[in-house]
Amino acid sequence: GEQLGRWVLAQRAGWPDLEEDQRDLLAAVGIEADLELLTAKAAAEAK
């Protein structure tokens, strides 16, 4: 019942805002930052 896919996408897009231990936990299960998402997010915030 949880939107797992959206949650994972939000974590990847918000990677710089996560605490280091949160990034480590996500990386341990194979979830890493998405440079494309980070670039798109930065461009949207710059508008």
All heavy atoms as atom14 arrays in JSON, in Angstrom:
{
  "sequence": "GEQLGRWVLAQRAGWPDLEEDQRDLLAAVGIEADLELLTAKAAAEAK",
  "atom14_mask": [
    [1, 1, 1, 1, 0, 0, 0, 0, 0, 0, 0, 0, 0, 0],
    [1, 1, 1, 1, 1, 1, 1, 1, 1, 0, 0, 0, 0, 0],
    [1, 1, 1, 1, 1, 1, 1, 1, 1, 0, 0, 0, 0, 0],
    [1, 1, 1, 1, 1, 1, 1, 1, 0, 0, 0, 0, 0, 0],
    [1, 1, 1, 1, 0, 0, 0, 0, 0, 0, 0, 0, 0, 0],
    [1, 1, 1, 1, 1, 1, 1, 1, 1, 1, 1, 0, 0, 0],
    [1, 1, 1, 1, 1, 1, 1, 1, 1, 1, 1, 1, 1, 1],
    [1, 1, 1, 1, 1, 1, 1, 0, 0, 0, 0, 0, 0, 0],
    [1, 1, 1, 1, 1, 1, 1, 1, 0, 0, 0, 0, 0, 0],
    [1, 1, 1, 1, 1, 0, 0, 0, 0, 0, 0, 0, 0, 0],
    [1, 1, 1, 1, 1, 1, 1, 1, 1, 0, 0, 0, 0, 0],
    [1, 1, 1, 1, 1, 1, 1, 1, 1, 1, 1, 0, 0, 0],
    [1, 1, 1, 1, 1, 0, 0, 0, 0, 0, 0, 0, 0, 0],
    [1, 1, 1, 1, 0, 0, 0, 0, 0, 0, 0, 0, 0, 0],
    [1, 1, 1, 1, 1, 1, 1, 1, 1, 1, 1, 1, 1, 1],
    [1, 1, 1, 1, 1, 1, 1, 0, 0, 0, 0, 0, 0, 0],
    [1, 1, 1, 1, 1, 1, 1, 1, 0, 0, 0, 0, 0, 0],
    [1, 1, 1, 1, 1, 1, 1, 1, 0, 0, 0, 0, 0, 0],
    [1, 1, 1, 1, 1, 1, 1, 1, 1, 0, 0, 0, 0, 0],
    [1, 1, 1, 1, 1, 1, 1, 1, 1, 0, 0, 0, 0, 0],
    [1, 1, 1, 1, 1, 1, 1, 1, 0, 0, 0, 0, 0, 0],
    [1, 1, 1, 1, 1, 1, 1, 1, 1, 0, 0, 0, 0, 0],
    [1, 1, 1, 1, 1, 1, 1, 1, 1, 1, 1, 0, 0, 0],
    [1, 1, 1, 1, 1, 1, 1, 1, 0, 0, 0, 0, 0, 0],
    [1, 1, 1, 1, 1, 1, 1, 1, 0, 0, 0, 0, 0, 0],
    [1, 1, 1, 1, 1, 1, 1, 1, 0, 0, 0, 0, 0, 0],
    [1, 1, 1, 1, 1, 0, 0, 0, 0, 0, 0, 0, 0, 0],
    [1, 1, 1, 1, 1, 0, 0, 0, 0, 0, 0, 0, 0, 0],
    [1, 1, 1, 1, 1, 1, 1, 0, 0, 0, 0, 0, 0, 0],
    [1, 1, 1, 1, 0, 0, 0, 0, 0, 0, 0, 0, 0, 0],
    [1, 1, 1, 1, 1, 1, 1, 1, 0, 0, 0, 0, 0, 0],
    [1, 1, 1, 1, 1, 1, 1, 1, 1, 0, 0, 0, 0, 0],
    [1, 1, 1, 1, 1, 0, 0, 0, 0, 0, 0, 0, 0, 0],
    [1, 1, 1, 1, 1, 1, 1, 1, 0, 0, 0, 0, 0, 0],
    [1, 1, 1, 1, 1, 1, 1, 1, 0, 0, 0, 0, 0, 0],
    [1, 1, 1, 1, 1, 1, 1, 1, 1, 0, 0, 0, 0, 0],
    [1, 1, 1, 1, 1, 1, 1, 1, 0, 0, 0, 0, 0, 0],
    [1, 1, 1, 1, 1, 1, 1, 1, 0, 0, 0, 0, 0, 0],
    [1, 1, 1, 1, 1, 1, 1, 0, 0, 0, 0, 0, 0, 0],
    [1, 1, 1, 1, 1, 0, 0, 0, 0, 0, 0, 0, 0, 0],
    [1, 1, 1, 1, 1, 1, 1, 1, 1, 0, 0, 0, 0, 0],
    [1, 1, 1, 1, 1, 0, 0, 0, 0, 0, 0, 0, 0, 0],
    [1, 1, 1, 1, 1, 0, 0, 0, 0, 0, 0, 0, 0, 0],
    [1, 1, 1, 1, 1, 0, 0, 0, 0, 0, 0, 0, 0, 0],
    [1, 1, 1, 1, 1, 1, 1, 1, 1, 0, 0, 0, 0, 0],
    [1, 1, 1, 1, 1, 0, 0, 0, 0, 0, 0, 0, 0, 0],
    [1, 1, 1, 1, 1, 1, 1, 1, 1, 0, 0, 0, 0, 0]
  ],
  "atom14_positions": [
    [[0.79, -1.22, 0.0], [0.0, 0.0, 0.0], [0.82, 1.28, 0.0], [0.27, 2.37, -0.05], [0.0, 0.0, 0.0], [0.0, 0.0, 0.0], [0.0, 0.0, 0.0], [0.0, 0.0, 0.0], [0.0, 0.0, 0.0], [0.0, 0.0, 0.0], [0.0, 0.0, 0.0], [0.0, 0.0, 0.0], [0.0, 0.0, 0.0], [0.0, 0.0, 0.0]],
    [[2.13, 1.19, 0.07], [3.0, 2.36, 0.09], [3.56, 2.61, -1.31], [3.91, 1.68, -2.02], [4.17, 2.17, 1.08], [3.74, 2.0, 2.51], [3.07, 3.23, 3.08], [3.48, 4.36, 2.73], [2.13, 3.07, 3.89], [0.0, 0.0, 0.0], [0.0, 0.0, 0.0], [0.0, 0.0, 0.0], [0.0, 0.0, 0.0], [0.0, 0.0, 0.0]],
    [[3.7, 3.86, -1.67], [4.23, 4.26, -2.97], [5.76, 4.14, -2.95], [6.48, 5.13, -2.94], [3.83, 5.7, -3.28], [2.35, 5.93, -3.35], [1.81, 5.6, -4.73], [2.55, 5.58, -5.69], [0.54, 5.36, -4.81], [0.0, 0.0, 0.0], [0.0, 0.0, 0.0], [0.0, 0.0, 0.0], [0.0, 0.0, 0.0], [0.0, 0.0, 0.0]],
    [[6.26, 2.92, -2.95], [7.7, 2.67, -2.83], [8.49, 3.29, -3.98], [9.53, 3.9, -3.76], [7.98, 1.16, -2.76], [9.44, 0.77, -2.62], [10.0, 1.29, -1.3], [9.59, -0.73, -2.71], [0.0, 0.0, 0.0], [0.0, 0.0, 0.0], [0.0, 0.0, 0.0], [0.0, 0.0, 0.0], [0.0, 0.0, 0.0], [0.0, 0.0, 0.0]],
    [[7.99, 3.17, -5.18], [8.69, 3.72, -6.34], [8.86, 5.22, -6.25], [9.93, 5.76, -6.53], [0.0, 0.0, 0.0], [0.0, 0.0, 0.0], [0.0, 0.0, 0.0], [0.0, 0.0, 0.0], [0.0, 0.0, 0.0], [0.0, 0.0, 0.0], [0.0, 0.0, 0.0], [0.0, 0.0, 0.0], [0.0, 0.0, 0.0], [0.0, 0.0, 0.0]],
    [[7.82, 5.92, -5.85], [7.91, 7.38, -5.71], [8.85, 7.77, -4.57], [9.58, 8.75, -4.67], [6.53, 7.98, -5.47], [5.67, 7.93, -6.71], [4.37, 8.62, -6.49], [3.55, 8.48, -7.69], [2.42, 9.09, -7.86], [1.93, 9.89, -6.92], [1.73, 8.91, -8.97], [0.0, 0.0, 0.0], [0.0, 0.0, 0.0], [0.0, 0.0, 0.0]],
    [[8.82, 6.98, -3.49], [9.71, 7.26, -2.37], [11.17, 7.11, -2.8], [12.0, 7.97, -2.49], [9.38, 6.34, -1.2], [10.25, 6.6, 0.0], [10.06, 7.56, 0.95], [11.46, 5.92, 0.33], [11.08, 7.5, 1.87], [11.95, 6.5, 1.52], [12.16, 4.87, -0.24], [13.12, 6.08, 2.13], [13.33, 4.44, 0.37], [13.8, 5.05, 1.54]],
    [[11.48, 6.03, -3.52], [12.85, 5.82, -3.99], [13.26, 6.96, -4.92], [14.36, 7.51, -4.8], [12.99, 4.45, -4.71], [14.32, 4.34, -5.44], [12.84, 3.32, -3.71], [0.0, 0.0, 0.0], [0.0, 0.0, 0.0], [0.0, 0.0, 0.0], [0.0, 0.0, 0.0], [0.0, 0.0, 0.0], [0.0, 0.0, 0.0], [0.0, 0.0, 0.0]],
    [[12.38, 7.37, -5.82], [12.68, 8.48, -6.72], [12.96, 9.76, -5.93], [13.91, 10.49, -6.24], [11.5, 8.69, -7.68], [11.67, 9.76, -8.74], [12.74, 9.34, -9.75], [10.36, 10.0, -9.46], [0.0, 0.0, 0.0], [0.0, 0.0, 0.0], [0.0, 0.0, 0.0], [0.0, 0.0, 0.0], [0.0, 0.0, 0.0], [0.0, 0.0, 0.0]],
    [[12.17, 10.02, -4.9], [12.37, 11.22, -4.07], [13.72, 11.17, -3.36], [14.4, 12.2, -3.23], [11.23, 11.36, -3.07], [0.0, 0.0, 0.0], [0.0, 0.0, 0.0], [0.0, 0.0, 0.0], [0.0, 0.0, 0.0], [0.0, 0.0, 0.0], [0.0, 0.0, 0.0], [0.0, 0.0, 0.0], [0.0, 0.0, 0.0], [0.0, 0.0, 0.0]],
    [[14.13, 9.99, -2.89], [15.42, 9.87, -2.21], [16.57, 10.13, -3.18], [17.53, 10.81, -2.86], [15.6, 8.49, -1.56], [14.5, 8.08, -0.6], [14.03, 9.18, 0.3], [14.8, 9.74, 1.08], [12.75, 9.52, 0.21], [0.0, 0.0, 0.0], [0.0, 0.0, 0.0], [0.0, 0.0, 0.0], [0.0, 0.0, 0.0], [0.0, 0.0, 0.0]],
    [[16.44, 9.58, -4.39], [17.49, 9.77, -5.4], [17.58, 11.23, -5.84], [18.66, 11.76, -6.05], [17.22, 8.86, -6.6], [17.33, 7.37, -6.21], [17.05, 6.47, -7.37], [18.24, 6.46, -8.21], [18.23, 6.26, -9.51], [17.09, 6.06, -10.13], [19.34, 6.25, -10.2], [0.0, 0.0, 0.0], [0.0, 0.0, 0.0], [0.0, 0.0, 0.0]],
    [[16.43, 11.89, -5.94], [16.41, 13.29, -6.37], [16.88, 14.22, -5.26], [17.44, 15.28, -5.53], [15.0, 13.69, -6.82], [0.0, 0.0, 0.0], [0.0, 0.0, 0.0], [0.0, 0.0, 0.0], [0.0, 0.0, 0.0], [0.0, 0.0, 0.0], [0.0, 0.0, 0.0], [0.0, 0.0, 0.0], [0.0, 0.0, 0.0], [0.0, 0.0, 0.0]],
    [[16.67, 13.83, -4.02], [17.04, 14.67, -2.89], [18.32, 14.23, -2.21], [18.56, 14.55, -1.04], [0.0, 0.0, 0.0], [0.0, 0.0, 0.0], [0.0, 0.0, 0.0], [0.0, 0.0, 0.0], [0.0, 0.0, 0.0], [0.0, 0.0, 0.0], [0.0, 0.0, 0.0], [0.0, 0.0, 0.0], [0.0, 0.0, 0.0], [0.0, 0.0, 0.0]],
    [[19.15, 13.49, -2.92], [20.38, 12.91, -2.36], [21.22, 13.9, -1.55], [21.63, 13.58, -0.43], [21.19, 12.28, -3.49], [22.24, 11.33, -3.04], [23.56, 11.59, -2.84], [22.05, 9.95, -2.71], [24.21, 10.47, -2.43], [23.3, 9.44, -2.34], [20.95, 9.11, -2.7], [23.5, 8.12, -1.97], [21.14, 7.79, -2.33], [22.4, 7.31, -1.97]],
    [[21.5, 15.09, -2.07], [22.35, 16.02, -1.31], [21.74, 16.45, 0.03], [22.45, 16.82, 0.95], [22.49, 17.24, -2.23], [22.13, 16.76, -3.57], [21.15, 15.65, -3.37], [0.0, 0.0, 0.0], [0.0, 0.0, 0.0], [0.0, 0.0, 0.0], [0.0, 0.0, 0.0], [0.0, 0.0, 0.0], [0.0, 0.0, 0.0], [0.0, 0.0, 0.0]],
    [[20.42, 16.38, 0.14], [19.74, 16.81, 1.36], [19.69, 15.72, 2.43], [19.31, 15.98, 3.57], [18.31, 17.27, 1.05], [18.3, 18.42, 0.05], [19.23, 19.24, 0.09], [17.35, 18.48, -0.76], [0.0, 0.0, 0.0], [0.0, 0.0, 0.0], [0.0, 0.0, 0.0], [0.0, 0.0, 0.0], [0.0, 0.0, 0.0], [0.0, 0.0, 0.0]],
    [[20.05, 14.49, 2.05], [20.02, 13.38, 3.0], [21.24, 13.43, 3.91], [22.3, 13.92, 3.54], [20.01, 12.04, 2.26], [18.81, 11.75, 1.37], [19.02, 10.46, 0.59], [17.54, 11.66, 2.2], [0.0, 0.0, 0.0], [0.0, 0.0, 0.0], [0.0, 0.0, 0.0], [0.0, 0.0, 0.0], [0.0, 0.0, 0.0], [0.0, 0.0, 0.0]],
    [[21.09, 12.89, 5.11], [22.22, 12.75, 6.03], [23.14, 11.67, 5.48], [22.71, 10.79, 4.73], [21.72, 12.33, 7.42], [20.79, 13.33, 8.07], [21.51, 14.61, 8.47], [22.71, 14.55, 8.8], [20.86, 15.68, 8.43], [0.0, 0.0, 0.0], [0.0, 0.0, 0.0], [0.0, 0.0, 0.0], [0.0, 0.0, 0.0], [0.0, 0.0, 0.0]],
    [[24.4, 11.72, 5.86], [25.37, 10.76, 5.35], [24.97, 9.32, 5.68], [25.08, 8.43, 4.83], [26.76, 11.04, 5.92], [27.84, 10.16, 5.31], [29.23, 10.5, 5.79], [29.42, 11.55, 6.43], [30.13, 9.69, 5.53], [0.0, 0.0, 0.0], [0.0, 0.0, 0.0], [0.0, 0.0, 0.0], [0.0, 0.0, 0.0], [0.0, 0.0, 0.0]],
    [[24.46, 9.07, 6.9], [24.07, 7.71, 7.26], [22.87, 7.24, 6.44], [22.76, 6.05, 6.12], [23.81, 7.58, 8.76], [22.72, 8.5, 9.28], [22.51, 9.57, 8.68], [22.08, 8.15, 10.3], [0.0, 0.0, 0.0], [0.0, 0.0, 0.0], [0.0, 0.0, 0.0], [0.0, 0.0, 0.0], [0.0, 0.0, 0.0], [0.0, 0.0, 0.0]],
    [[21.98, 8.17, 6.07], [20.85, 7.81, 5.21], [21.35, 7.41, 3.82], [20.9, 6.42, 3.25], [19.87, 8.97, 5.09], [19.15, 9.29, 6.39], [18.32, 10.55, 6.29], [18.78, 11.56, 5.76], [17.09, 10.49, 6.8], [0.0, 0.0, 0.0], [0.0, 0.0, 0.0], [0.0, 0.0, 0.0], [0.0, 0.0, 0.0], [0.0, 0.0, 0.0]],
    [[22.3, 8.18, 3.27], [22.87, 7.85, 1.96], [23.57, 6.49, 2.02], [23.47, 5.69, 1.09], [23.83, 8.95, 1.5], [23.13, 10.23, 1.14], [24.06, 11.21, 0.43], [25.18, 11.63, 1.24], [25.23, 12.75, 1.96], [24.21, 13.59, 1.94], [26.3, 13.05, 2.66], [0.0, 0.0, 0.0], [0.0, 0.0, 0.0], [0.0, 0.0, 0.0]],
    [[24.28, 6.23, 3.13], [24.98, 4.94, 3.28], [23.99, 3.78, 3.3], [24.23, 2.74, 2.67], [25.82, 4.93, 4.56], [27.02, 5.86, 4.49], [27.4, 6.27, 3.36], [27.58, 6.17, 5.56], [0.0, 0.0, 0.0], [0.0, 0.0, 0.0], [0.0, 0.0, 0.0], [0.0, 0.0, 0.0], [0.0, 0.0, 0.0], [0.0, 0.0, 0.0]],
    [[22.88, 3.94, 4.03], [21.87, 2.88, 4.09], [21.25, 2.62, 2.71], [21.07, 1.47, 2.31], [20.77, 3.25, 5.09], [21.18, 3.17, 6.57], [20.11, 3.84, 7.43], [21.4, 1.73, 6.98], [0.0, 0.0, 0.0], [0.0, 0.0, 0.0], [0.0, 0.0, 0.0], [0.0, 0.0, 0.0], [0.0, 0.0, 0.0], [0.0, 0.0, 0.0]],
    [[20.94, 3.7, 1.99], [20.37, 3.54, 0.65], [21.38, 2.9, -0.29], [21.04, 2.0, -1.07], [19.9, 4.89, 0.11], [18.67, 5.48, 0.79], [18.46, 6.92, 0.36], [17.44, 4.64, 0.5], [0.0, 0.0, 0.0], [0.0, 0.0, 0.0], [0.0, 0.0, 0.0], [0.0, 0.0, 0.0], [0.0, 0.0, 0.0], [0.0, 0.0, 0.0]],
    [[22.63, 3.33, -0.23], [23.67, 2.77, -1.1], [23.87, 1.28, -0.81], [24.14, 0.5, -1.72], [24.97, 3.53, -0.92], [0.0, 0.0, 0.0], [0.0, 0.0, 0.0], [0.0, 0.0, 0.0], [0.0, 0.0, 0.0], [0.0, 0.0, 0.0], [0.0, 0.0, 0.0], [0.0, 0.0, 0.0], [0.0, 0.0, 0.0], [0.0, 0.0, 0.0]],
    [[23.71, 0.89, 0.45], [23.89, -0.52, 0.82], [22.87, -1.43, 0.15], [23.13, -2.61, -0.04], [23.81, -0.67, 2.34], [0.0, 0.0, 0.0], [0.0, 0.0, 0.0], [0.0, 0.0, 0.0], [0.0, 0.0, 0.0], [0.0, 0.0, 0.0], [0.0, 0.0, 0.0], [0.0, 0.0, 0.0], [0.0, 0.0, 0.0], [0.0, 0.0, 0.0]],
    [[21.7, -0.87, -0.21], [20.69, -1.68, -0.89], [20.6, -1.35, -2.37], [19.66, -1.74, -3.06], [19.29, -1.56, -0.22], [19.33, -2.15, 1.17], [18.79, -0.14, -0.22], [0.0, 0.0, 0.0], [0.0, 0.0, 0.0], [0.0, 0.0, 0.0], [0.0, 0.0, 0.0], [0.0, 0.0, 0.0], [0.0, 0.0, 0.0], [0.0, 0.0, 0.0]],
    [[21.58, -0.58, -2.88], [21.66, -0.35, -4.31], [20.99, 0.91, -4.82], [20.82, 1.09, -6.02], [0.0, 0.0, 0.0], [0.0, 0.0, 0.0], [0.0, 0.0, 0.0], [0.0, 0.0, 0.0], [0.0, 0.0, 0.0], [0.0, 0.0, 0.0], [0.0, 0.0, 0.0], [0.0, 0.0, 0.0], [0.0, 0.0, 0.0], [0.0, 0.0, 0.0]],
    [[20.6, 1.81, -3.93], [19.98, 3.07, -4.36], [21.03, 4.16, -4.25], [21.63, 4.36, -3.2], [18.75, 3.41, -3.49], [17.7, 2.31, -3.65], [18.19, 4.77, -3.87], [16.55, 2.41, -2.7], [0.0, 0.0, 0.0], [0.0, 0.0, 0.0], [0.0, 0.0, 0.0], [0.0, 0.0, 0.0], [0.0, 0.0, 0.0], [0.0, 0.0, 0.0]],
    [[21.24, 4.84, -5.36], [22.25, 5.9, -5.4], [21.66, 7.15, -6.02], [20.58, 7.13, -6.59], [23.47, 5.42, -6.19], [24.15, 4.24, -5.53], [25.28, 3.67, -6.34], [25.43, 4.05, -7.52], [26.01, 2.84, -5.8], [0.0, 0.0, 0.0], [0.0, 0.0, 0.0], [0.0, 0.0, 0.0], [0.0, 0.0, 0.0], [0.0, 0.0, 0.0]],
    [[22.41, 8.25, -5.92], [21.97, 9.52, -6.49], [21.76, 9.37, -7.99], [22.44, 8.59, -8.65], [23.0, 10.61, -6.22], [0.0, 0.0, 0.0], [0.0, 0.0, 0.0], [0.0, 0.0, 0.0], [0.0, 0.0, 0.0], [0.0, 0.0, 0.0], [0.0, 0.0, 0.0], [0.0, 0.0, 0.0], [0.0, 0.0, 0.0], [0.0, 0.0, 0.0]],
    [[20.81, 10.12, -8.52], [20.55, 10.14, -9.96], [20.97, 11.52, -10.46], [20.29, 12.51, -10.19], [19.07, 9.88, -10.22], [18.73, 9.8, -11.69], [19.34, 10.54, -12.5], [17.85, 9.0, -12.04], [0.0, 0.0, 0.0], [0.0, 0.0, 0.0], [0.0, 0.0, 0.0], [0.0, 0.0, 0.0], [0.0, 0.0, 0.0], [0.0, 0.0, 0.0]],
    [[22.09, 11.59, -11.16], [22.63, 12.88, -11.63], [21.64, 13.62, -12.52], [21.54, 14.84, -12.47], [23.96, 12.68, -12.33], [25.08, 12.15, -11.44], [26.35, 11.94, -12.26], [25.33, 13.07, -10.27], [0.0, 0.0, 0.0], [0.0, 0.0, 0.0], [0.0, 0.0, 0.0], [0.0, 0.0, 0.0], [0.0, 0.0, 0.0], [0.0, 0.0, 0.0]],
    [[20.9, 12.88, -13.33], [19.91, 13.5, -14.21], [18.8, 14.17, -13.4], [18.41, 15.3, -13.68], [19.32, 12.43, -15.14], [18.84, 12.95, -16.46], [18.43, 11.8, -17.38], [19.3, 11.01, -17.78], [17.22, 11.74, -17.68], [0.0, 0.0, 0.0], [0.0, 0.0, 0.0], [0.0, 0.0, 0.0], [0.0, 0.0, 0.0], [0.0, 0.0, 0.0]],
    [[18.32, 13.47, -12.37], [17.29, 14.03, -11.51], [17.82, 15.24, -10.74], [17.13, 16.25, -10.6], [16.8, 12.99, -10.49], [15.86, 11.92, -10.97], [15.6, 10.91, -9.87], [14.55, 12.53, -11.43], [0.0, 0.0, 0.0], [0.0, 0.0, 0.0], [0.0, 0.0, 0.0], [0.0, 0.0, 0.0], [0.0, 0.0, 0.0], [0.0, 0.0, 0.0]],
    [[19.06, 15.14, -10.24], [19.65, 16.24, -9.49], [19.81, 17.48, -10.37], [19.53, 18.6, -9.94], [21.01, 15.83, -8.92], [20.96, 14.76, -7.83], [22.36, 14.28, -7.49], [20.25, 15.27, -6.61], [0.0, 0.0, 0.0], [0.0, 0.0, 0.0], [0.0, 0.0, 0.0], [0.0, 0.0, 0.0], [0.0, 0.0, 0.0], [0.0, 0.0, 0.0]],
    [[20.22, 17.27, -11.62], [20.38, 18.39, -12.55], [19.04, 19.03, -12.86], [18.91, 20.26, -12.86], [21.05, 17.91, -13.86], [22.31, 17.31, -13.53], [21.26, 19.03, -14.82], [0.0, 0.0, 0.0], [0.0, 0.0, 0.0], [0.0, 0.0, 0.0], [0.0, 0.0, 0.0], [0.0, 0.0, 0.0], [0.0, 0.0, 0.0], [0.0, 0.0, 0.0]],
    [[18.02, 18.2, -13.11], [16.68, 18.72, -13.41], [16.11, 19.47, -12.2], [15.49, 20.53, -12.36], [15.75, 17.57, -13.8], [0.0, 0.0, 0.0], [0.0, 0.0, 0.0], [0.0, 0.0, 0.0], [0.0, 0.0, 0.0], [0.0, 0.0, 0.0], [0.0, 0.0, 0.0], [0.0, 0.0, 0.0], [0.0, 0.0, 0.0], [0.0, 0.0, 0.0]],
    [[16.33, 18.94, -11.0], [15.83, 19.59, -9.79], [16.51, 20.95, -9.59], [15.86, 21.94, -9.28], [16.08, 18.7, -8.58], [15.53, 19.25, -7.29], [15.76, 18.29, -6.14], [15.28, 18.9, -4.84], [15.6, 18.06, -3.69], [0.0, 0.0, 0.0], [0.0, 0.0, 0.0], [0.0, 0.0, 0.0], [0.0, 0.0, 0.0], [0.0, 0.0, 0.0]],
    [[17.82, 21.0, -9.81], [18.56, 22.26, -9.66], [18.08, 23.28, -10.68], [17.92, 24.47, -10.36], [20.05, 22.01, -9.81], [0.0, 0.0, 0.0], [0.0, 0.0, 0.0], [0.0, 0.0, 0.0], [0.0, 0.0, 0.0], [0.0, 0.0, 0.0], [0.0, 0.0, 0.0], [0.0, 0.0, 0.0], [0.0, 0.0, 0.0], [0.0, 0.0, 0.0]],
    [[17.83, 22.84, -11.91], [17.35, 23.76, -12.95], [15.96, 24.3, -12.6], [15.68, 25.48, -12.78], [17.31, 23.06, -14.3], [0.0, 0.0, 0.0], [0.0, 0.0, 0.0], [0.0, 0.0, 0.0], [0.0, 0.0, 0.0], [0.0, 0.0, 0.0], [0.0, 0.0, 0.0], [0.0, 0.0, 0.0], [0.0, 0.0, 0.0], [0.0, 0.0, 0.0]],
    [[15.09, 23.44, -12.09], [13.74, 23.87, -11.71], [13.78, 24.85, -10.55], [13.03, 25.83, -10.53], [12.88, 22.66, -11.35], [0.0, 0.0, 0.0], [0.0, 0.0, 0.0], [0.0, 0.0, 0.0], [0.0, 0.0, 0.0], [0.0, 0.0, 0.0], [0.0, 0.0, 0.0], [0.0, 0.0, 0.0], [0.0, 0.0, 0.0], [0.0, 0.0, 0.0]],
    [[14.67, 24.62, -9.59], [14.78, 25.51, -8.44], [15.39, 26.85, -8.82], [15.15, 27.85, -8.16], [15.58, 24.84, -7.33], [14.83, 23.7, -6.66], [15.67, 22.9, -5.7], [16.91, 23.12, -5.64], [15.1, 22.05, -5.01], [0.0, 0.0, 0.0], [0.0, 0.0, 0.0], [0.0, 0.0, 0.0], [0.0, 0.0, 0.0], [0.0, 0.0, 0.0]],
    [[16.19, 26.87, -9.9], [16.84, 28.1, -10.33], [15.88, 29.04, -11.06], [16.13, 30.24, -11.13], [18.02, 27.77, -11.24], [0.0, 0.0, 0.0], [0.0, 0.0, 0.0], [0.0, 0.0, 0.0], [0.0, 0.0, 0.0], [0.0, 0.0, 0.0], [0.0, 0.0, 0.0], [0.0, 0.0, 0.0], [0.0, 0.0, 0.0], [0.0, 0.0, 0.0]],
    [[14.79, 28.49, -11.57], [13.8, 29.33, -12.26], [13.12, 30.24, -11.26], [12.78, 29.81, -10.16], [12.73, 28.47, -12.94], [13.21, 27.73, -14.15], [12.06, 26.97, -14.77], [12.51, 26.21, -15.99], [11.42, 25.42, -16.56], [0.0, 0.0, 0.0], [0.0, 0.0, 0.0], [0.0, 0.0, 0.0], [0.0, 0.0, 0.0], [0.0, 0.0, 0.0]]
  ]
}
